[in-house]
Amino acid sequence: MRITVLGGCGAWPVPDQGCSGYLVEHGGFRLLIDPGYGTFQALLRTTAAERVDAVLVSHGHPDHCADLNPLLRARALGPDPCAPLPVHSLPGALGPVLALDSPHMLATAYRLAEFTAGHRFAIGPFTVDARCTPHFVPNAAVRLAAGGSTLVYTGDSGPSPQLDALAAGADVLLAEATFVERVVPDSDSPHLSTAWQAGRCATRTAVGRLVLTHLWPGTDRSAARSAARREYRGAIDVAEPGLTIEPG
């Protein structure tokens, strides 16, 4: 399994990187997870639009799915016809982004495959387990397994026993860390996480490596890493474009 970060900024893109976006590859299969604002150009620096084999979206906020639109446009309107792209999401999550164009324009570009959190399913060579975790809209944290390696991605999530159960023993935990030590405002604390909380989760679940992502624009990356380090002694990365990890 090979994980390439396309973007790791929360809420909106900044000049040096887009929002959430991750390319996960195994056995020649390319799975794009969360094509958020500003990630399509980063994807094109890694592979061609027509070489993406499937998409998985954690939830419907645009910083996690807005660039599904240019990806589908490139596949539908480009010179080489593409097979419909399987797009996996929770029910109804992608309605707004899929409605950006007239239905007939992208009708042959994708095949929507909605899943229910709590069930196991397959995407190419990946076995996927999904759990609902707390956020402002329905969010699916996912555990991907292939070739003896495991990746757990939180999407956007507050602390949750469901997340702890999903992450147990994973090789890599790709964890939302919007804030460094304290969620602001306090009323949002059930729905978002900090780098410090991500470190605690990584220790509780004995993961092999922690990758902090979805940092609020302008956050000091070294401060986020230091907050996580107080709770977790394993390897820690902060997601930024081009970061590549091969678990195991």
C-alpha atoms as a PDB file:
ATOM      1  CA  MET A   1       0.000   0.000   0.000  1.00  0.00           C
ATOM      2  CA  ARG A   2       1.229   3.465  -0.916  1.00  0.00           C
ATOM      3  CA  ILE A   3      -0.368   6.662   0.451  1.00  0.00           C
ATOM      4  CA  THR A   4       0.294  10.017  -1.219  1.00  0.00           C
ATOM      5  CA  VAL A   5      -0.984  13.232   0.342  1.00  0.00           C
ATOM      6  CA  LEU A   6      -2.503  15.651  -2.186  1.00  0.00           C
ATOM      7  CA  GLY A   7      -3.580  18.210   0.411  1.00  0.00           C
ATOM      8  CA  GLY A   8      -4.059  18.491   4.147  1.00  0.00           C
ATOM      9  CA  CYS A   9      -5.529  21.928   4.817  1.00  0.00           C
ATOM     10  CA  GLY A  10      -8.832  22.276   6.657  1.00  0.00           C
ATOM     11  CA  ALA A  11     -11.793  24.455   5.670  1.00  0.00           C
ATOM     12  CA  TRP A  12     -10.324  26.198   2.599  1.00  0.00           C
ATOM     13  CA  PRO A  13      -7.168  25.881   0.479  1.00  0.00           C
ATOM     14  CA  VAL A  14      -4.095  28.056   0.991  1.00  0.00           C
ATOM     15  CA  PRO A  15      -1.413  29.051  -1.539  1.00  0.00           C
ATOM     16  CA  ASP A  16       0.848  26.085  -0.886  1.00  0.00           C
ATOM     17  CA  GLN A  17      -1.753  23.327  -0.594  1.00  0.00           C
ATOM     18  CA  GLY A  18      -5.333  22.268  -1.058  1.00  0.00           C
ATOM     19  CA  CYS A  19      -7.719  20.701   1.410  1.00  0.00           C
ATOM     20  CA  SER A  20      -8.109  17.018   2.223  1.00  0.00           C
ATOM     21  CA  GLY A  21      -7.050  14.672  -0.560  1.00  0.00           C
ATOM     22  CA  TYR A  22      -5.211  11.351  -0.516  1.00  0.00           C
ATOM     23  CA  LEU A  23      -4.263   8.857  -3.213  1.00  0.00           C
ATOM     24  CA  VAL A  24      -3.999   5.282  -1.941  1.00  0.00           C
ATOM     25  CA  GLU A  25      -2.514   2.679  -4.262  1.00  0.00           C
ATOM     26  CA  HIS A  26      -2.082  -1.080  -4.139  1.00  0.00           C
ATOM     27  CA  GLY A  27      -1.375  -3.548  -6.905  1.00  0.00           C
ATOM     28  CA  GLY A  28      -1.762  -0.875  -9.565  1.00  0.00           C
ATOM     29  CA  PHE A  29      -5.212   0.183  -8.296  1.00  0.00           C
ATOM     30  CA  ARG A  30      -5.604   3.908  -7.519  1.00  0.00           C
ATOM     31  CA  LEU A  31      -8.162   4.963  -4.939  1.00  0.00           C
ATOM     32  CA  LEU A  32      -8.725   8.691  -4.416  1.00  0.00           C
ATOM     33  CA  ILE A  33      -9.977   9.562  -0.928  1.00  0.00           C
ATOM     34  CA  ASP A  34     -11.678  12.915  -0.290  1.00  0.00           C
ATOM     35  CA  PRO A  35     -11.018  15.130  -3.331  1.00  0.00           C
ATOM     36  CA  GLY A  36     -11.328  18.425  -1.446  1.00  0.00           C
ATOM     37  CA  TYR A  37     -10.844  21.992  -2.700  1.00  0.00           C
ATOM     38  CA  GLY A  38      -7.588  22.424  -4.607  1.00  0.00           C
ATOM     39  CA  THR A  39      -6.548  18.773  -4.740  1.00  0.00           C
ATOM     40  CA  PHE A  40      -7.243  18.026  -8.411  1.00  0.00           C
ATOM     41  CA  GLN A  41      -4.132  19.855  -9.624  1.00  0.00           C
ATOM     42  CA  ALA A  42      -2.025  17.974  -7.065  1.00  0.00           C
ATOM     43  CA  LEU A  43      -3.582  14.737  -8.311  1.00  0.00           C
ATOM     44  CA  LEU A  44      -2.568  15.587 -11.884  1.00  0.00           C
ATOM     45  CA  ARG A  45       1.037  15.990 -10.740  1.00  0.00           C
ATOM     46  CA  THR A  46       0.840  12.382  -9.540  1.00  0.00           C
ATOM     47  CA  THR A  47      -1.334  10.623 -12.114  1.00  0.00           C
ATOM     48  CA  ALA A  48      -3.825  11.310 -14.903  1.00  0.00           C
ATOM     49  CA  ALA A  49      -7.543  11.763 -14.245  1.00  0.00           C
ATOM     50  CA  GLU A  50      -8.385   8.715 -16.358  1.00  0.00           C
ATOM     51  CA  ARG A  51      -6.070   6.509 -14.292  1.00  0.00           C
ATOM     52  CA  VAL A  52      -8.054   6.942 -11.060  1.00  0.00           C
ATOM     53  CA  ASP A  53      -9.923   3.675 -10.459  1.00  0.00           C
ATOM     54  CA  ALA A  54     -12.342   4.712  -7.688  1.00  0.00           C
ATOM     55  CA  VAL A  55     -13.187   7.521  -5.276  1.00  0.00           C
ATOM     56  CA  LEU A  56     -14.141   7.294  -1.600  1.00  0.00           C
ATOM     57  CA  VAL A  57     -15.624  10.311   0.194  1.00  0.00           C
ATOM     58  CA  SER A  58     -15.901  10.516   3.979  1.00  0.00           C
ATOM     59  CA  HIS A  59     -18.585  13.215   4.079  1.00  0.00           C
ATOM     60  CA  GLY A  60     -20.204  15.929   2.027  1.00  0.00           C
ATOM     61  CA  HIS A  61     -18.425  19.091   3.148  1.00  0.00           C
ATOM     62  CA  PRO A  62     -16.792  20.767   0.121  1.00  0.00           C
ATOM     63  CA  ASP A  63     -13.293  20.769   1.613  1.00  0.00           C
ATOM     64  CA  HIS A  64     -13.564  16.975   1.245  1.00  0.00           C
ATOM     65  CA  CYS A  65     -15.357  16.571  -2.079  1.00  0.00           C
ATOM     66  CA  ALA A  66     -15.483  19.778  -4.183  1.00  0.00           C
ATOM     67  CA  ASP A  67     -12.772  18.649  -6.608  1.00  0.00           C
ATOM     68  CA  LEU A  68     -14.801  15.605  -7.547  1.00  0.00           C
ATOM     69  CA  ASN A  69     -16.369  18.009 -10.068  1.00  0.00           C
ATOM     70  CA  PRO A  70     -13.205  18.786 -12.103  1.00  0.00           C
ATOM     71  CA  LEU A  71     -12.167  15.136 -11.901  1.00  0.00           C
ATOM     72  CA  LEU A  72     -15.463  14.046 -13.445  1.00  0.00           C
ATOM     73  CA  ARG A  73     -15.324  16.869 -16.003  1.00  0.00           C
ATOM     74  CA  ALA A  74     -11.847  15.772 -17.093  1.00  0.00           C
ATOM     75  CA  ARG A  75     -13.036  12.204 -17.521  1.00  0.00           C
ATOM     76  CA  ALA A  76     -16.293  13.122 -19.281  1.00  0.00           C
ATOM     77  CA  LEU A  77     -15.016  15.895 -21.559  1.00  0.00           C
ATOM     78  CA  GLY A  78     -11.439  14.804 -22.215  1.00  0.00           C
ATOM     79  CA  PRO A  79     -10.254  13.338 -25.523  1.00  0.00           C
ATOM     80  CA  ASP A  80     -10.218   9.728 -24.324  1.00  0.00           C
ATOM     81  CA  PRO A  81     -13.497   8.165 -23.169  1.00  0.00           C
ATOM     82  CA  CYS A  82     -13.366   6.717 -19.646  1.00  0.00           C
ATOM     83  CA  ALA A  83     -15.425   4.019 -18.019  1.00  0.00           C
ATOM     84  CA  PRO A  84     -17.798   5.307 -15.312  1.00  0.00           C
ATOM     85  CA  LEU A  85     -15.823   6.029 -12.152  1.00  0.00           C
ATOM     86  CA  PRO A  86     -17.094   4.235  -9.033  1.00  0.00           C
ATOM     87  CA  VAL A  87     -17.724   6.909  -6.387  1.00  0.00           C
ATOM     88  CA  HIS A  88     -18.358   5.605  -2.857  1.00  0.00           C
ATOM     89  CA  SER A  89     -20.065   7.786  -0.246  1.00  0.00           C
ATOM     90  CA  LEU A  90     -22.666   7.843   2.484  1.00  0.00           C
ATOM     91  CA  PRO A  91     -26.239   8.193   1.177  1.00  0.00           C
ATOM     92  CA  GLY A  92     -26.996  11.686  -0.100  1.00  0.00           C
ATOM     93  CA  ALA A  93     -23.580  13.119   0.766  1.00  0.00           C
ATOM     94  CA  LEU A  94     -22.619  14.082  -2.775  1.00  0.00           C
ATOM     95  CA  GLY A  95     -25.904  15.541  -4.016  1.00  0.00           C
ATOM     96  CA  PRO A  96     -24.691  19.183  -4.020  1.00  0.00           C
ATOM     97  CA  VAL A  97     -21.374  18.594  -5.788  1.00  0.00           C
ATOM     98  CA  LEU A  98     -22.933  16.280  -8.363  1.00  0.00           C
ATOM     99  CA  ALA A  99     -25.567  18.954  -9.068  1.00  0.00           C
ATOM    100  CA  LEU A 100     -22.967  21.533 -10.148  1.00  0.00           C
ATOM    101  CA  ASP A 101     -23.413  20.400 -13.761  1.00  0.00           C
ATOM    102  CA  SER A 102     -26.456  19.319 -15.698  1.00  0.00           C
ATOM    103  CA  PRO A 103     -27.153  15.605 -15.109  1.00  0.00           C
ATOM    104  CA  HIS A 104     -26.629  14.599 -18.744  1.00  0.00           C
ATOM    105  CA  MET A 105     -23.183  16.220 -18.876  1.00  0.00           C
ATOM    106  CA  LEU A 106     -21.633  13.876 -16.297  1.00  0.00           C
ATOM    107  CA  ALA A 107     -24.111  11.000 -16.496  1.00  0.00           C
ATOM    108  CA  THR A 108     -21.605   8.584 -18.027  1.00  0.00           C
ATOM    109  CA  ALA A 109     -18.636   9.795 -15.980  1.00  0.00           C
ATOM    110  CA  TYR A 110     -19.434   8.125 -12.666  1.00  0.00           C
ATOM    111  CA  ARG A 111     -21.319   5.344 -10.934  1.00  0.00           C
ATOM    112  CA  LEU A 112     -22.515   6.299  -7.467  1.00  0.00           C
ATOM    113  CA  ALA A 113     -22.017   3.495  -4.925  1.00  0.00           C
ATOM    114  CA  GLU A 114     -23.530   4.581  -1.628  1.00  0.00           C
ATOM    115  CA  PHE A 115     -22.589   2.587   1.457  1.00  0.00           C
ATOM    116  CA  THR A 116     -23.889   2.306   4.983  1.00  0.00           C
ATOM    117  CA  ALA A 117     -21.444   2.853   7.821  1.00  0.00           C
ATOM    118  CA  GLY A 118     -21.099  -0.219   9.988  1.00  0.00           C
ATOM    119  CA  HIS A 119     -20.698  -2.581   7.044  1.00  0.00           C
ATOM    120  CA  ARG A 120     -17.652  -4.046   5.313  1.00  0.00           C
ATOM    121  CA  PHE A 121     -17.267  -3.732   1.551  1.00  0.00           C
ATOM    122  CA  ALA A 122     -14.577  -3.905  -1.124  1.00  0.00           C
ATOM    123  CA  ILE A 123     -13.108  -1.282  -3.417  1.00  0.00           C
ATOM    124  CA  GLY A 124     -10.740  -2.996  -5.824  1.00  0.00           C
ATOM    125  CA  PRO A 125      -8.074  -4.742  -3.705  1.00  0.00           C
ATOM    126  CA  PHE A 126      -9.054  -2.829  -0.557  1.00  0.00           C
ATOM    127  CA  THR A 127     -11.269  -4.176   2.184  1.00  0.00           C
ATOM    128  CA  VAL A 128     -13.101  -1.219   3.711  1.00  0.00           C
ATOM    129  CA  ASP A 129     -14.676  -0.987   7.148  1.00  0.00           C
ATOM    130  CA  ALA A 130     -16.632   2.207   7.828  1.00  0.00           C
ATOM    131  CA  ARG A 131     -17.991   3.650  11.059  1.00  0.00           C
ATOM    132  CA  CYS A 132     -20.088   6.739  11.706  1.00  0.00           C
ATOM    133  CA  THR A 133     -18.214   9.191  13.889  1.00  0.00           C
ATOM    134  CA  PRO A 134     -19.393  12.549  15.287  1.00  0.00           C
ATOM    135  CA  HIS A 135     -19.305  15.556  12.976  1.00  0.00           C
ATOM    136  CA  PHE A 136     -21.688  18.327  11.902  1.00  0.00           C
ATOM    137  CA  VAL A 137     -22.934  16.129   9.044  1.00  0.00           C
ATOM    138  CA  PRO A 138     -22.802  12.325   8.707  1.00  0.00           C
ATOM    139  CA  ASN A 139     -19.145  11.287   8.501  1.00  0.00           C
ATOM    140  CA  ALA A 140     -17.629   7.892   7.813  1.00  0.00           C
ATOM    141  CA  ALA A 141     -14.249   7.076   9.309  1.00  0.00           C
ATOM    142  CA  VAL A 142     -12.746   4.218   7.298  1.00  0.00           C
ATOM    143  CA  ARG A 143     -10.229   1.431   7.725  1.00  0.00           C
ATOM    144  CA  LEU A 144      -8.580   0.186   4.531  1.00  0.00           C
ATOM    145  CA  ALA A 145      -6.689  -3.094   4.393  1.00  0.00           C
ATOM    146  CA  ALA A 146      -4.689  -4.514   1.498  1.00  0.00           C
ATOM    147  CA  GLY A 147      -1.560  -6.617   1.183  1.00  0.00           C
ATOM    148  CA  GLY A 148      -1.192  -6.946   4.940  1.00  0.00           C
ATOM    149  CA  SER A 149      -1.193  -3.162   5.557  1.00  0.00           C
ATOM    150  CA  THR A 150      -3.876  -1.018   7.149  1.00  0.00           C
ATOM    151  CA  LEU A 151      -4.774   2.658   6.939  1.00  0.00           C
ATOM    152  CA  VAL A 152      -7.390   4.327   9.131  1.00  0.00           C
ATOM    153  CA  TYR A 153      -8.696   7.713   8.040  1.00  0.00           C
ATOM    154  CA  THR A 154     -10.915   9.691  10.373  1.00  0.00           C
ATOM    155  CA  GLY A 155     -12.500  12.079   7.883  1.00  0.00           C
ATOM    156  CA  ASP A 156     -13.618  14.894  10.200  1.00  0.00           C
ATOM    157  CA  SER A 157     -14.512  13.589  13.623  1.00  0.00           C
ATOM    158  CA  GLY A 158     -14.688  14.397  17.275  1.00  0.00           C
ATOM    159  CA  PRO A 159     -13.270  11.831  19.726  1.00  0.00           C
ATOM    160  CA  SER A 160     -15.273   8.619  19.575  1.00  0.00           C
ATOM    161  CA  PRO A 161     -15.184   5.032  20.870  1.00  0.00           C
ATOM    162  CA  GLN A 162     -16.153   4.008  17.333  1.00  0.00           C
ATOM    163  CA  LEU A 163     -13.000   5.637  16.022  1.00  0.00           C
ATOM    164  CA  ASP A 164     -10.847   3.972  18.672  1.00  0.00           C
ATOM    165  CA  ALA A 165     -12.259   0.561  17.766  1.00  0.00           C
ATOM    166  CA  LEU A 166     -11.660   1.168  14.074  1.00  0.00           C
ATOM    167  CA  ALA A 167      -8.085   2.390  14.551  1.00  0.00           C
ATOM    168  CA  ALA A 168      -6.885  -0.391  16.854  1.00  0.00           C
ATOM    169  CA  GLY A 169      -3.503  -1.684  15.700  1.00  0.00           C
ATOM    170  CA  ALA A 170      -3.539   0.104  12.321  1.00  0.00           C
ATOM    171  CA  ASP A 171      -0.247   0.739  10.547  1.00  0.00           C
ATOM    172  CA  VAL A 172      -1.182   4.357   9.797  1.00  0.00           C
ATOM    173  CA  LEU A 173      -3.727   6.669  11.425  1.00  0.00           C
ATOM    174  CA  LEU A 174      -4.535   9.649   9.199  1.00  0.00           C
ATOM    175  CA  ALA A 175      -6.222  11.846  11.768  1.00  0.00           C
ATOM    176  CA  GLU A 176      -8.102  15.126  11.574  1.00  0.00           C
ATOM    177  CA  ALA A 177      -6.322  17.690  13.760  1.00  0.00           C
ATOM    178  CA  THR A 178      -8.079  20.957  12.958  1.00  0.00           C
ATOM    179  CA  PHE A 179      -6.771  22.668  16.091  1.00  0.00           C
ATOM    180  CA  VAL A 180      -3.592  22.235  18.114  1.00  0.00           C
ATOM    181  CA  GLU A 181      -4.767  21.746  21.703  1.00  0.00           C
ATOM    182  CA  ARG A 182      -8.284  23.153  22.065  1.00  0.00           C
ATOM    183  CA  VAL A 183     -11.257  23.207  19.713  1.00  0.00           C
ATOM    184  CA  VAL A 184     -12.615  26.717  19.168  1.00  0.00           C
ATOM    185  CA  PRO A 185     -15.385  27.451  19.919  1.00  0.00           C
ATOM    186  CA  ASP A 186     -15.957  24.978  22.735  1.00  0.00           C
ATOM    187  CA  SER A 187     -19.393  24.145  21.330  1.00  0.00           C
ATOM    188  CA  ASP A 188     -17.684  22.504  18.325  1.00  0.00           C
ATOM    189  CA  SER A 189     -15.605  20.151  20.490  1.00  0.00           C
ATOM    190  CA  PRO A 190     -17.896  17.104  19.993  1.00  0.00           C
ATOM    191  CA  HIS A 191     -17.475  17.401  16.223  1.00  0.00           C
ATOM    192  CA  LEU A 192     -13.787  18.182  15.622  1.00  0.00           C
ATOM    193  CA  SER A 193     -10.422  17.108  17.052  1.00  0.00           C
ATOM    194  CA  THR A 194      -7.051  18.538  18.001  1.00  0.00           C
ATOM    195  CA  ALA A 195      -3.512  17.340  17.368  1.00  0.00           C
ATOM    196  CA  TRP A 196      -3.243  16.592  21.087  1.00  0.00           C
ATOM    197  CA  GLN A 197      -6.356  14.403  20.926  1.00  0.00           C
ATOM    198  CA  ALA A 198      -5.032  12.669  17.813  1.00  0.00           C
ATOM    199  CA  GLY A 199      -1.880  11.798  19.739  1.00  0.00           C
ATOM    200  CA  ARG A 200      -3.924  10.374  22.596  1.00  0.00           C
ATOM    201  CA  CYS A 201      -5.985   8.308  20.154  1.00  0.00           C
ATOM    202  CA  ALA A 202      -2.836   6.995  18.468  1.00  0.00           C
ATOM    203  CA  THR A 203      -1.461   5.841  21.831  1.00  0.00           C
ATOM    204  CA  ARG A 204      -4.736   4.281  22.983  1.00  0.00           C
ATOM    205  CA  THR A 205      -5.054   2.332  19.748  1.00  0.00           C
ATOM    206  CA  ALA A 206      -1.356   1.396  19.373  1.00  0.00           C
ATOM    207  CA  VAL A 207      -1.081   2.520  15.763  1.00  0.00           C
ATOM    208  CA  GLY A 208       2.250   2.367  13.994  1.00  0.00           C
ATOM    209  CA  ARG A 209       2.328   5.902  12.603  1.00  0.00           C
ATOM    210  CA  LEU A 210       0.284   9.076  13.039  1.00  0.00           C
ATOM    211  CA  VAL A 211      -0.331  11.585  10.255  1.00  0.00           C
ATOM    212  CA  LEU A 212      -1.981  14.848  11.303  1.00  0.00           C
ATOM    213  CA  THR A 213      -4.222  16.406   8.673  1.00  0.00           C
ATOM    214  CA  HIS A 214      -6.981  19.007   8.141  1.00  0.00           C
ATOM    215  CA  LEU A 215      -5.051  21.672  10.074  1.00  0.00           C
ATOM    216  CA  TRP A 216      -6.826  25.027  10.206  1.00  0.00           C
ATOM    217  CA  PRO A 217      -5.265  27.486   7.723  1.00  0.00           C
ATOM    218  CA  GLY A 218      -2.341  29.300   9.326  1.00  0.00           C
ATOM    219  CA  THR A 219      -1.743  26.664  12.008  1.00  0.00           C
ATOM    220  CA  ASP A 220       1.888  26.223  13.030  1.00  0.00           C
ATOM    221  CA  ARG A 221       2.669  22.672  11.884  1.00  0.00           C
ATOM    222  CA  SER A 222       5.488  22.279  14.393  1.00  0.00           C
ATOM    223  CA  ALA A 223       3.100  23.242  17.212  1.00  0.00           C
ATOM    224  CA  ALA A 224       0.625  20.603  16.038  1.00  0.00           C
ATOM    225  CA  ARG A 225       3.367  17.983  15.912  1.00  0.00           C
ATOM    226  CA  SER A 226       4.582  18.949  19.393  1.00  0.00           C
ATOM    227  CA  ALA A 227       1.062  18.706  20.836  1.00  0.00           C
ATOM    228  CA  ALA A 228       0.649  15.203  19.411  1.00  0.00           C
ATOM    229  CA  ARG A 229       4.137  14.223  20.580  1.00  0.00           C
ATOM    230  CA  ARG A 230       3.192  14.864  24.203  1.00  0.00           C
ATOM    231  CA  GLU A 231       0.789  11.926  23.961  1.00  0.00           C
ATOM    232  CA  TYR A 232       2.300   9.642  21.301  1.00  0.00           C
ATOM    233  CA  ARG A 233       5.852   8.351  21.028  1.00  0.00           C
ATOM    234  CA  GLY A 234       5.668   6.812  17.554  1.00  0.00           C
ATOM    235  CA  ALA A 235       6.358   8.375  14.167  1.00  0.00           C
ATOM    236  CA  ILE A 236       4.397  11.577  13.497  1.00  0.00           C
ATOM    237  CA  ASP A 237       3.955  13.394  10.194  1.00  0.00           C
ATOM    238  CA  VAL A 238       1.955  16.462   9.240  1.00  0.00           C
ATOM    239  CA  ALA A 239       0.108  16.032   5.941  1.00  0.00           C
ATOM    240  CA  GLU A 240       1.367  18.186   3.103  1.00  0.00           C
ATOM    241  CA  PRO A 241       1.374  17.685  -0.662  1.00  0.00           C
ATOM    242  CA  GLY A 242       3.854  15.076  -1.828  1.00  0.00           C
ATOM    243  CA  LEU A 243       4.193  13.269   1.492  1.00  0.00           C
ATOM    244  CA  THR A 244       4.300   9.567   0.631  1.00  0.00           C
ATOM    245  CA  ILE A 245       3.992   6.699   3.093  1.00  0.00           C
ATOM    246  CA  GLU A 246       4.331   2.979   2.452  1.00  0.00           C
ATOM    247  CA  PRO A 247       3.094   1.139   5.558  1.00  0.00           C
ATOM    248  CA  GLY A 248       5.137  -1.852   6.565  1.00  0.00           C
END
